[in-house]
Amino acid sequence: MPYITKDLRIELDPAIDSLIESVKSVLVEYTADNPKKNPINGVANYVITRTILGMLEPARGWNYESLSDVDKTLNCSRMEIYRRLTAYYEDDKVWENGDLKEFEKDLEDDPTGGVFQEDIKDNTLLDAIDKNPITGP
């Protein structure tokens, strides 16, 4: 999880914010000169790859464990973005446009599809949703 201490965030955020603004500025200039090209995804991949490899490269060189650490870090970041942003976006679209018929059939009798059934019975899950800083009240 990306939840480091506030003291460490205070130290890191100016450098990270500066990197973000610099990359955005380069992209604005590049796309102005090349209006048919928008390399945002490639640039994001480049910046993330260089940053993660530069931060995690071990002094003695790469080995299975250090490469696995890179993979774990990237996967955890991806999962956190999905959990905190993408899943909510997808849920909103289901409410807006309707669900797939395959899921609607499964959910007619049980709106959770059997997931977290015990938590819903005692409102544990609903209480957690209400306290969520993104979607809660």
Protein backbone atom coordinates (compact mmCIF):
# COMPACT_ATOMS: atom_id res chain seq x y z
CA MET A 1 0.00 0.00 0.00
CA PRO A 2 1.26 3.50 -0.76
CA TYR A 3 0.41 4.81 2.70
CA ILE A 4 3.71 6.07 4.06
CA THR A 5 4.02 8.39 7.06
CA LYS A 6 3.07 12.02 6.70
CA ASP A 7 6.62 13.08 7.57
CA LEU A 8 8.00 11.05 4.68
CA ARG A 9 5.30 12.40 2.35
CA ILE A 10 6.30 15.96 3.25
CA GLU A 11 9.86 15.12 2.19
CA LEU A 12 8.95 13.29 -1.02
CA ASP A 13 5.94 15.19 -2.38
CA PRO A 14 7.81 18.29 -3.64
CA ALA A 15 10.17 16.14 -5.73
CA ILE A 16 7.32 13.98 -7.04
CA ASP A 17 5.15 17.02 -7.81
CA SER A 18 8.06 18.62 -9.63
CA LEU A 19 8.61 15.47 -11.71
CA ILE A 20 4.91 15.34 -12.62
CA GLU A 21 4.83 19.01 -13.66
CA SER A 22 8.05 18.66 -15.66
CA VAL A 23 6.76 15.64 -17.56
CA LYS A 24 3.42 17.35 -18.24
CA SER A 25 5.24 20.43 -19.52
CA VAL A 26 7.39 18.35 -21.89
CA LEU A 27 4.26 16.58 -23.17
CA VAL A 28 2.45 19.86 -23.80
CA GLU A 29 5.40 21.12 -25.86
CA TYR A 30 5.78 17.82 -27.69
CA THR A 31 2.11 17.52 -28.62
CA ALA A 32 2.05 21.17 -29.75
CA ASP A 33 4.86 20.36 -32.19
CA ASN A 34 3.35 16.95 -33.09
CA PRO A 35 -0.44 17.40 -32.96
CA LYS A 36 -1.18 13.93 -34.32
CA LYS A 37 0.82 12.23 -31.58
CA ASN A 38 -0.11 11.85 -27.93
CA PRO A 39 2.50 9.66 -26.27
CA ILE A 40 1.08 10.02 -22.73
CA ASN A 41 0.86 6.28 -22.08
CA GLY A 42 4.33 5.58 -23.46
CA VAL A 43 5.77 8.47 -21.49
CA ALA A 44 4.05 7.31 -18.29
CA ASN A 45 5.44 3.82 -18.87
CA TYR A 46 8.92 5.25 -19.46
CA VAL A 47 8.87 7.46 -16.35
CA ILE A 48 7.45 4.73 -14.12
CA THR A 49 9.90 2.12 -15.41
CA ARG A 50 12.95 4.36 -15.03
CA THR A 51 11.84 5.51 -11.59
CA ILE A 52 11.05 2.09 -10.17
CA LEU A 53 14.20 0.49 -11.59
CA GLY A 54 16.34 3.37 -10.38
CA MET A 55 14.88 3.19 -6.89
CA LEU A 56 14.92 -0.58 -6.46
CA GLU A 57 18.13 -1.53 -8.27
CA PRO A 58 20.29 -3.39 -5.76
CA ALA A 59 23.95 -2.43 -5.33
CA ARG A 60 25.03 -5.99 -6.21
CA GLY A 61 22.95 -6.19 -9.38
CA TRP A 62 19.64 -7.74 -10.27
CA ASN A 63 18.63 -11.19 -9.08
CA TYR A 64 15.35 -13.05 -8.80
CA GLU A 65 14.47 -11.55 -5.42
CA SER A 66 15.14 -7.96 -6.47
CA LEU A 67 13.23 -8.41 -9.74
CA SER A 68 10.38 -9.96 -7.77
CA ASP A 69 10.37 -6.86 -5.54
CA VAL A 70 9.91 -4.68 -8.64
CA ASP A 71 7.03 -6.88 -9.78
CA LYS A 72 5.38 -6.80 -6.35
CA THR A 73 5.71 -3.03 -6.10
CA LEU A 74 4.19 -2.44 -9.54
CA ASN A 75 1.39 -4.96 -8.94
CA CYS A 76 0.50 -3.44 -5.59
CA SER A 77 0.39 0.03 -7.17
CA ARG A 78 -1.83 -1.26 -9.98
CA MET A 79 -4.16 -3.00 -7.55
CA GLU A 80 -4.45 0.07 -5.35
CA ILE A 81 -5.38 2.28 -8.30
CA TYR A 82 -7.93 -0.30 -9.43
CA ARG A 83 -9.35 -0.68 -5.92
CA ARG A 84 -9.57 3.06 -5.21
CA LEU A 85 -10.54 4.44 -8.64
CA THR A 86 -11.36 1.96 -11.39
CA ALA A 87 -13.72 -0.28 -9.39
CA TYR A 88 -15.83 2.71 -8.34
CA TYR A 89 -15.94 4.02 -11.90
CA GLU A 90 -17.05 0.60 -13.16
CA ASP A 91 -19.70 0.32 -10.44
CA ASP A 92 -21.07 3.74 -11.42
CA LYS A 93 -21.31 2.61 -15.04
CA VAL A 94 -23.18 -0.55 -13.99
CA TRP A 95 -25.72 1.60 -12.15
CA GLU A 96 -25.90 4.04 -15.07
CA ASN A 97 -26.12 1.54 -17.93
CA GLY A 98 -27.22 -1.71 -16.33
CA ASP A 99 -25.29 -4.86 -15.64
CA LEU A 100 -24.49 -7.77 -17.91
CA LYS A 101 -27.42 -10.13 -18.14
CA GLU A 102 -25.22 -12.94 -16.80
CA PHE A 103 -24.61 -11.01 -13.59
CA GLU A 104 -28.16 -9.68 -13.30
CA LYS A 105 -29.50 -13.23 -13.23
CA ASP A 106 -27.08 -14.21 -10.46
CA LEU A 107 -27.93 -11.12 -8.44
CA GLU A 108 -31.74 -11.33 -8.55
CA ASP A 109 -31.96 -13.36 -5.35
CA ASP A 110 -28.69 -12.21 -3.77
CA PRO A 111 -27.47 -8.70 -4.61
CA THR A 112 -23.97 -9.59 -3.44
CA GLY A 113 -23.70 -12.77 -5.47
CA GLY A 114 -22.93 -14.51 -2.17
CA VAL A 115 -19.92 -12.34 -1.51
CA PHE A 116 -19.65 -10.91 2.00
CA GLN A 117 -23.06 -12.29 2.91
CA GLU A 118 -22.23 -12.50 6.62
CA ASP A 119 -20.77 -9.00 6.62
CA ILE A 120 -23.93 -7.60 5.03
CA LYS A 121 -26.16 -9.35 7.54
CA ASP A 122 -24.43 -7.57 10.43
CA ASN A 123 -23.80 -4.34 8.45
CA THR A 124 -20.00 -4.62 8.78
CA LEU A 125 -19.46 -4.15 5.05
CA LEU A 126 -22.01 -1.36 4.79
CA ASP A 127 -20.41 0.47 7.71
CA ALA A 128 -17.01 0.19 6.00
CA ILE A 129 -18.47 1.55 2.76
CA ASP A 130 -20.00 4.49 4.63
CA LYS A 131 -16.59 5.33 6.10
CA ASN A 132 -14.77 5.15 2.76
CA PRO A 133 -13.12 8.53 2.09
CA ILE A 134 -13.89 8.32 -1.64
CA THR A 135 -17.50 7.15 -1.67
CA GLY A 136 -18.70 7.54 1.89
CA PRO A 137 -20.67 10.45 3.30
